[in-house]
Amino acid sequence: MPYGTVNADSLVSSDGGVISPNINSLRNRIINGAMVISQYNGTSTVTPSGGQYTMDRWKFSVSQSSKLTTSQSSVAPIGFTNSLLATSSSAYSVAAGDYFVISQKVEGFNCSDLGWGTANAKTVTLSFWVNCSLTGTFAVTILNGANNRSYPATYTVNSANTWEQKTITIAGDTSGTWLTTNGIGLDIYWNLGVGSTYSGTANTWSASQYYSATGATSVVGTNGATFYITGVQLEKGSVATSFDYRPYGTELALCQRYYEEIGRASSGGLLMAGCSTVIGQQINTTFVYKVTKRAAPTVTRVGSWNLINVAGQPNIYGADVDNVLFYASSSATGSAYAQNSNANNYITISAEL
């Protein structure tokens, strides 16, 4: 019997047939919302400074260094295995221009159907699980890529050190410029401590760069305070549906559009190899990425590779969205190669937003 109509949320047809998974895979616009992918640092603890990605797709932006640490955690609510943990390192009094935020930048291609900036702007619902050692009113904000349209919203942590799911529905913005290309389509910020300069009225669109609603609780204001988050989902519509789990390989590939590494896990592997007939001859190796990048990436050779018949560490040339060329000169005739002698010698390819 052919399948009947499809219930996209349950992935079951009206006659009871099971539909293949991921039929509605763009339902969640957040990548790595379950915090399972951590190419950057594994489970190591990191002290963010400035703005940096500490887990895949998750960026910390801080105006002051050494005020908090972060790591991937195995503490999670039922149905999840990981979370992102932020821990305050002191009792810091946030100044007017300070900000300590966790964010994810959603690519314009992945939210173009929302129609923001037009009269047909669609409503979205943000849901997530949070566990904090503090109680009170907290804030999360959506901004555009130009940082001149923002919507601060509040949510309440009712019980300390307890997993609670939060749901926030936001009417789409009919004003401003919202990119629908490979740039920043929208940016979501979770407040861990934001000063008055970047705080505004809750639950309304504003032509301002706000990271928080006024009066929100500051996590960095309490020494040792903890903030866990996972199960983050942003979807079109006014109702929060069940979390859109994706296969691990699918989630990893989505992350690798923005960042991937070559060689870190394979100590002793050949990263670059060639053969020269005369000393000084150039040898080349092209690395093809696992996933086509969002834009031409920044490629970085990390560490000092072990060199055999190669005069100096390899150079990088011509990185594009699919591959990058490495080259070096030979120091002897015959086989020549560069080898990663340990897990600290590898290549990073970053096309982050």
Protein backbone atom coordinates (compact mmCIF):
# COMPACT_ATOMS: atom_id res chain seq x y z
CA MET A 1 0.00 0.00 0.00
CA PRO A 2 1.39 3.44 -0.83
CA TYR A 3 2.13 5.84 2.00
CA GLY A 4 -0.52 8.35 2.98
CA THR A 5 0.06 11.97 3.86
CA VAL A 6 3.16 12.81 5.88
CA ASN A 7 3.26 14.15 9.41
CA ALA A 8 6.62 15.97 9.17
CA ASP A 9 7.08 16.25 12.93
CA SER A 10 6.57 12.56 13.75
CA LEU A 11 7.96 11.21 10.44
CA VAL A 12 5.03 8.79 10.26
CA SER A 13 2.50 8.65 7.45
CA SER A 14 -1.21 8.88 8.09
CA ASP A 15 -1.59 5.15 7.42
CA GLY A 16 1.11 4.26 9.97
CA GLY A 17 4.04 3.82 7.60
CA VAL A 18 7.49 4.93 8.77
CA ILE A 19 9.06 7.66 6.66
CA SER A 20 12.82 7.90 6.18
CA PRO A 21 14.54 10.22 8.69
CA ASN A 22 15.58 13.83 8.03
CA ILE A 23 12.67 14.44 5.65
CA ASN A 24 12.32 17.79 7.39
CA SER A 25 16.01 18.30 8.17
CA LEU A 26 16.00 22.11 7.95
CA ARG A 27 13.45 22.38 10.75
CA ASN A 28 16.20 23.30 13.20
CA ARG A 29 18.32 26.19 11.91
CA ILE A 30 20.88 25.65 14.68
CA ILE A 31 23.87 23.42 13.90
CA ASN A 32 25.34 21.32 16.73
CA GLY A 33 22.47 22.28 19.01
CA ALA A 34 23.04 19.11 21.05
CA MET A 35 26.71 20.07 21.59
CA VAL A 36 28.04 16.72 20.34
CA ILE A 37 30.71 18.05 17.93
CA SER A 38 33.83 19.59 19.47
CA GLN A 39 36.63 19.64 16.87
CA TYR A 40 38.28 22.73 18.33
CA ASN A 41 39.09 21.61 21.87
CA GLY A 42 37.53 18.23 22.55
CA THR A 43 36.56 18.21 26.23
CA SER A 44 39.43 20.53 27.27
CA THR A 45 38.63 23.62 29.30
CA VAL A 46 39.22 26.92 27.49
CA THR A 47 39.42 30.51 28.77
CA PRO A 48 37.88 32.66 26.01
CA SER A 49 39.43 36.00 25.13
CA GLY A 50 37.95 38.40 22.59
CA GLY A 51 35.76 36.38 20.25
CA GLN A 52 36.51 32.74 19.52
CA TYR A 53 34.81 29.47 18.68
CA THR A 54 35.29 27.01 21.53
CA MET A 55 32.96 24.27 20.22
CA ASP A 56 31.75 23.80 16.68
CA ARG A 57 29.39 26.64 15.66
CA TRP A 58 29.43 28.08 19.20
CA LYS A 59 31.31 31.31 19.76
CA PHE A 60 32.19 33.12 22.96
CA SER A 61 32.51 36.92 22.75
CA VAL A 62 33.91 38.62 25.83
CA SER A 63 35.01 42.17 26.50
CA GLN A 64 37.32 41.10 29.35
CA SER A 65 39.52 38.00 29.45
CA SER A 66 39.89 35.53 32.33
CA LYS A 67 36.37 36.06 33.68
CA LEU A 68 35.02 32.65 32.66
CA THR A 69 35.97 29.25 31.29
CA THR A 70 34.11 26.90 28.98
CA SER A 71 34.15 23.28 27.90
CA GLN A 72 32.06 20.53 26.36
CA SER A 73 30.36 18.69 29.21
CA SER A 74 28.77 15.27 29.64
CA VAL A 75 26.22 16.76 32.05
CA ALA A 76 22.95 16.77 30.10
CA PRO A 77 19.19 16.30 30.47
CA ILE A 78 17.48 13.04 29.53
CA GLY A 79 17.69 12.49 25.78
CA PHE A 80 21.01 14.31 25.37
CA THR A 81 24.63 13.29 25.99
CA ASN A 82 26.43 16.64 25.96
CA SER A 83 26.09 20.28 26.83
CA LEU A 84 28.16 23.45 26.66
CA LEU A 85 29.37 24.59 30.09
CA ALA A 86 30.41 28.11 31.08
CA THR A 87 31.88 28.68 34.56
CA SER A 88 32.51 32.06 36.14
CA SER A 89 36.11 32.56 37.30
CA SER A 90 35.47 35.47 39.68
CA ALA A 91 32.79 37.78 41.03
CA TYR A 92 33.12 40.40 38.30
CA SER A 93 31.11 43.62 38.30
CA VAL A 94 30.05 44.18 34.71
CA ALA A 95 30.77 47.71 33.43
CA ALA A 96 28.48 49.60 31.03
CA GLY A 97 30.41 48.55 27.91
CA ASP A 98 31.08 44.95 28.96
CA TYR A 99 29.62 41.83 27.38
CA PHE A 100 30.03 38.11 28.01
CA VAL A 101 27.91 36.12 25.58
CA ILE A 102 27.56 32.74 23.87
CA SER A 103 26.36 32.95 20.28
CA GLN A 104 25.61 31.05 17.11
CA LYS A 105 25.65 32.76 13.72
CA VAL A 106 23.12 31.26 11.32
CA GLU A 107 24.11 31.41 7.65
CA GLY A 108 21.75 33.41 5.42
CA PHE A 109 21.13 30.44 3.12
CA ASN A 110 19.72 28.56 6.13
CA CYS A 111 17.17 31.18 7.15
CA SER A 112 16.31 32.91 3.85
CA ASP A 113 12.79 31.45 3.86
CA LEU A 114 11.93 33.43 7.03
CA GLY A 115 11.46 36.56 4.93
CA TRP A 116 12.78 38.88 7.61
CA GLY A 117 13.06 42.50 6.54
CA THR A 118 9.84 42.14 4.51
CA ALA A 119 6.12 42.44 5.19
CA ASN A 120 5.93 38.63 5.08
CA ALA A 121 8.38 38.03 7.93
CA LYS A 122 7.73 34.66 9.59
CA THR A 123 7.45 33.97 13.30
CA VAL A 124 10.15 31.75 14.85
CA THR A 125 10.37 29.76 18.06
CA LEU A 126 13.60 29.29 20.00
CA SER A 127 13.80 26.41 22.49
CA PHE A 128 16.67 25.10 24.60
CA TRP A 129 17.56 23.33 27.83
CA VAL A 130 19.41 25.29 30.50
CA ASN A 131 20.88 24.39 33.89
CA CYS A 132 22.29 27.23 35.99
CA SER A 133 23.53 27.50 39.56
CA LEU A 134 21.77 30.89 39.74
CA THR A 135 18.06 31.65 39.54
CA GLY A 136 16.36 34.73 38.14
CA THR A 137 15.68 36.47 34.85
CA PHE A 138 18.09 35.73 32.00
CA ALA A 139 18.23 37.01 28.43
CA VAL A 140 18.71 35.80 24.87
CA THR A 141 18.81 38.10 21.83
CA ILE A 142 18.48 37.78 18.05
CA LEU A 143 20.43 40.25 15.89
CA ASN A 144 21.00 40.75 12.19
CA GLY A 145 24.45 40.55 10.62
CA ALA A 146 24.83 44.33 10.53
CA ASN A 147 24.15 44.52 14.30
CA ASN A 148 21.53 47.24 13.82
CA ARG A 149 18.37 45.21 14.42
CA SER A 150 17.92 43.26 17.64
CA TYR A 151 15.25 41.57 19.74
CA PRO A 152 16.16 40.93 23.41
CA ALA A 153 13.93 38.37 25.12
CA THR A 154 13.86 37.07 28.67
CA TYR A 155 13.42 33.69 30.28
CA THR A 156 13.39 32.60 33.93
CA VAL A 157 15.57 30.02 35.64
CA ASN A 158 13.27 28.86 38.42
CA SER A 159 15.39 26.24 40.20
CA ALA A 160 19.16 26.24 40.63
CA ASN A 161 21.20 23.31 39.28
CA THR A 162 18.16 21.83 37.55
CA TRP A 163 17.57 21.18 33.87
CA GLU A 164 14.69 23.33 32.57
CA GLN A 165 13.48 23.69 29.00
CA LYS A 166 12.78 27.22 27.81
CA THR A 167 10.67 28.30 24.83
CA ILE A 168 10.56 31.79 23.32
CA THR A 169 8.41 32.80 20.34
CA ILE A 170 9.46 35.86 18.34
CA ALA A 171 7.49 37.61 15.60
CA GLY A 172 9.71 38.07 12.54
CA ASP A 173 11.25 41.47 11.90
CA THR A 174 9.60 43.38 9.05
CA SER A 175 12.37 46.01 9.02
CA GLY A 176 16.11 46.09 8.54
CA THR A 177 18.45 44.08 6.33
CA TRP A 178 18.66 40.32 6.85
CA LEU A 179 21.12 38.52 4.57
CA THR A 180 19.95 35.51 2.57
CA THR A 181 23.39 34.57 1.19
CA ASN A 182 26.43 32.83 2.71
CA GLY A 183 26.92 35.72 5.15
CA ILE A 184 25.38 36.09 8.62
CA GLY A 185 21.63 35.64 8.26
CA LEU A 186 20.97 36.08 11.95
CA ASP A 187 22.89 35.85 15.21
CA ILE A 188 21.60 34.51 18.54
CA TYR A 189 23.24 35.60 21.82
CA TRP A 190 22.84 34.11 25.31
CA ASN A 191 23.75 36.63 28.01
CA LEU A 192 26.23 35.68 30.73
CA GLY A 193 26.75 39.29 31.79
CA VAL A 194 26.09 42.39 29.67
CA GLY A 195 26.40 46.06 30.58
CA SER A 196 23.88 48.84 29.99
CA THR A 197 25.41 49.92 26.66
CA TYR A 198 24.37 46.65 25.05
CA SER A 199 21.12 46.07 26.98
CA GLY A 200 17.65 47.15 25.89
CA THR A 201 13.92 46.73 26.38
CA ALA A 202 12.76 43.12 26.31
CA ASN A 203 10.38 41.60 23.78
CA THR A 204 10.51 44.28 21.11
CA TRP A 205 12.48 44.88 17.92
CA SER A 206 14.95 47.74 18.08
CA ALA A 207 17.30 49.49 15.64
CA SER A 208 20.16 48.90 18.11
CA GLN A 209 22.98 46.49 18.89
CA TYR A 210 21.65 44.79 21.99
CA TYR A 211 23.04 41.55 23.40
CA SER A 212 20.70 41.37 26.38
CA ALA A 213 17.52 42.64 27.95
CA THR A 214 17.98 45.24 30.67
CA GLY A 215 18.29 43.81 34.16
CA ALA A 216 19.21 40.25 33.21
CA THR A 217 21.15 38.07 35.67
CA SER A 218 24.94 38.17 35.32
CA VAL A 219 26.60 34.75 35.52
CA VAL A 220 30.09 36.30 35.68
CA GLY A 221 28.93 38.33 38.69
CA THR A 222 29.10 35.27 40.95
CA ASN A 223 32.36 33.40 41.47
CA GLY A 224 32.05 29.76 40.45
CA ALA A 225 28.58 30.14 38.92
CA THR A 226 27.82 27.52 36.26
CA PHE A 227 25.68 27.74 33.13
CA TYR A 228 24.94 24.66 30.98
CA ILE A 229 23.02 24.76 27.72
CA THR A 230 22.00 22.13 25.17
CA GLY A 231 19.12 21.05 22.93
CA VAL A 232 19.06 24.40 21.16
CA GLN A 233 16.52 24.67 18.36
CA LEU A 234 15.35 27.60 16.22
CA GLU A 235 12.42 26.80 13.94
CA LYS A 236 9.80 28.52 11.87
CA GLY A 237 6.40 28.81 13.52
CA SER A 238 4.92 29.64 16.89
CA VAL A 239 5.18 26.15 18.44
CA ALA A 240 8.30 24.39 19.72
CA THR A 241 8.47 20.86 18.33
CA SER A 242 10.63 17.99 19.57
CA PHE A 243 14.37 18.39 19.10
CA ASP A 244 15.53 17.67 15.55
CA TYR A 245 18.16 14.96 16.16
CA ARG A 246 20.48 14.34 13.22
CA PRO A 247 22.89 11.44 12.65
CA TYR A 248 26.35 12.19 14.08
CA GLY A 249 27.93 12.08 10.61
CA THR A 250 25.36 14.55 9.27
CA GLU A 251 25.96 16.95 12.17
CA LEU A 252 29.73 16.69 11.73
CA ALA A 253 29.47 17.45 8.01
CA LEU A 254 27.29 20.49 8.73
CA CYS A 255 29.97 21.75 11.13
CA GLN A 256 32.75 21.05 8.63
CA ARG A 257 31.23 23.52 6.16
CA TYR A 258 32.65 26.12 8.57
CA TYR A 259 35.63 24.36 10.17
CA GLU A 260 37.60 21.15 9.82
CA GLU A 261 41.01 19.78 10.74
CA ILE A 262 43.41 17.49 8.88
CA GLY A 263 45.99 15.33 10.62
CA ARG A 264 45.40 16.04 14.31
CA ALA A 265 44.19 12.53 15.06
CA SER A 266 46.80 10.64 13.01
CA SER A 267 50.26 11.07 14.53
CA GLY A 268 52.93 9.97 12.09
CA GLY A 269 50.75 10.38 9.02
CA LEU A 270 52.08 11.79 5.76
CA LEU A 271 50.67 15.28 5.36
CA MET A 272 52.75 16.21 2.32
CA ALA A 273 54.76 14.02 -0.04
CA GLY A 274 56.60 14.28 -3.37
CA CYS A 275 59.68 13.27 -5.30
CA SER A 276 62.44 15.54 -6.60
CA THR A 277 65.03 14.96 -9.32
CA VAL A 278 67.17 17.96 -8.36
CA ILE A 279 67.84 19.74 -5.08
CA GLY A 280 65.59 22.76 -4.65
CA GLN A 281 62.81 21.39 -6.81
CA GLN A 282 59.34 22.44 -5.65
CA ILE A 283 57.07 19.68 -4.37
CA ASN A 284 53.32 20.18 -4.07
CA THR A 285 50.41 18.50 -2.33
CA THR A 286 46.75 19.41 -2.72
CA PHE A 287 44.46 18.74 0.21
CA VAL A 288 40.81 18.22 -0.69
CA TYR A 289 38.44 19.14 2.13
CA LYS A 290 35.91 16.68 3.47
CA VAL A 291 33.14 19.25 2.91
CA THR A 292 32.92 22.25 0.56
CA LYS A 293 33.39 25.39 2.64
CA ARG A 294 30.97 28.29 3.07
CA ALA A 295 33.57 30.64 1.52
CA ALA A 296 37.28 30.61 0.71
CA PRO A 297 38.73 29.60 4.11
CA THR A 298 41.70 30.60 6.19
CA VAL A 299 44.09 27.62 6.20
CA THR A 300 46.67 27.37 8.97
CA ARG A 301 49.55 24.94 9.43
CA VAL A 302 49.80 24.24 13.15
CA GLY A 303 53.05 23.12 14.77
CA SER A 304 56.39 22.14 13.23
CA TRP A 305 56.11 19.11 10.99
CA ASN A 306 58.82 16.46 10.79
CA LEU A 307 60.68 17.06 7.49
CA ILE A 308 62.39 14.44 5.34
CA ASN A 309 64.40 15.92 2.43
CA VAL A 310 62.34 19.13 2.62
CA ALA A 311 63.97 22.54 3.09
CA GLY A 312 61.74 24.33 5.58
CA GLN A 313 58.16 24.04 6.72
CA PRO A 314 55.57 23.86 3.88
CA ASN A 315 53.85 27.00 2.63
CA ILE A 316 50.17 27.49 1.81
CA TYR A 317 48.92 28.71 -1.53
CA GLY A 318 45.56 29.12 -3.24
CA ALA A 319 42.97 28.00 -0.69
CA ASP A 320 39.48 27.89 -2.19
CA VAL A 321 36.18 26.39 -1.10
CA ASP A 322 37.15 22.82 -2.05
CA ASN A 323 40.92 22.43 -1.63
CA VAL A 324 44.24 24.04 -0.76
CA LEU A 325 47.77 23.67 -2.16
CA PHE A 326 50.83 23.19 0.07
CA TYR A 327 54.32 23.56 -1.40
CA ALA A 328 57.95 23.41 -0.32
CA SER A 329 61.43 22.96 -1.80
CA SER A 330 63.37 19.72 -1.64
CA SER A 331 66.71 19.55 0.16
CA ALA A 332 67.80 16.32 -1.55
CA THR A 333 66.86 14.21 -4.53
CA GLY A 334 64.39 11.36 -4.23
CA SER A 335 61.38 11.07 -1.94
CA ALA A 336 60.53 14.12 0.16
CA TYR A 337 57.76 14.49 2.66
CA ALA A 338 56.47 16.36 5.69
CA GLN A 339 54.98 14.34 8.51
CA ASN A 340 52.94 15.24 11.57
CA SER A 341 55.04 13.80 14.37
CA ASN A 342 52.32 14.20 17.02
CA ALA A 343 48.74 15.34 17.55
CA ASN A 344 49.88 18.97 17.90
CA ASN A 345 50.91 19.15 14.23
CA TYR A 346 47.94 19.49 11.90
CA ILE A 347 46.03 21.76 9.51
CA THR A 348 42.97 23.89 10.29
CA ILE A 349 40.54 25.08 7.61
CA SER A 350 38.19 27.81 8.85
CA ALA A 351 35.35 29.50 6.98
CA GLU A 352 33.51 30.59 10.12
CA LEU A 353 30.97 33.40 9.95
